[in-house]
């Protein structure tokens, strides 16, 4: 009976995973806002309880921001499927990151971010 309850508990914990990962995402890496972006394929991981948004390539973190720092989000279908997150760093400096949501679960990414941050994604066509 104890083994059964332990297995059930582990199954429930797995089903309630709080980190959602989205594959087939491209991160537009820039050293300065005026630079041309370097496109990096990878995985966008959203931690719904910890409030972190992380972009990973080959298990390396290329970008990481806290959901509480996000002030504005836009999704443009004008030049691809570009999601832009505007945020302030802990020092108060304004920054942004951009992701190309190439395929599939675009609405899932947007809905997850809106629910987690409380910020509505502005859609640009």
Foldseek 3Di string as FASTA:
>chain_A
DVVVVVVVVVVVCVVVQQKDKDAQKWKFDDPDPPDGTDIDGFMWIARLVQQKTFTDDPNDTPDIDGLQFFDAWEFEPPPATKIKTWGADPVGDIDIIIMHNHDDDPVVVQVSSCVRNVHHYHYHD
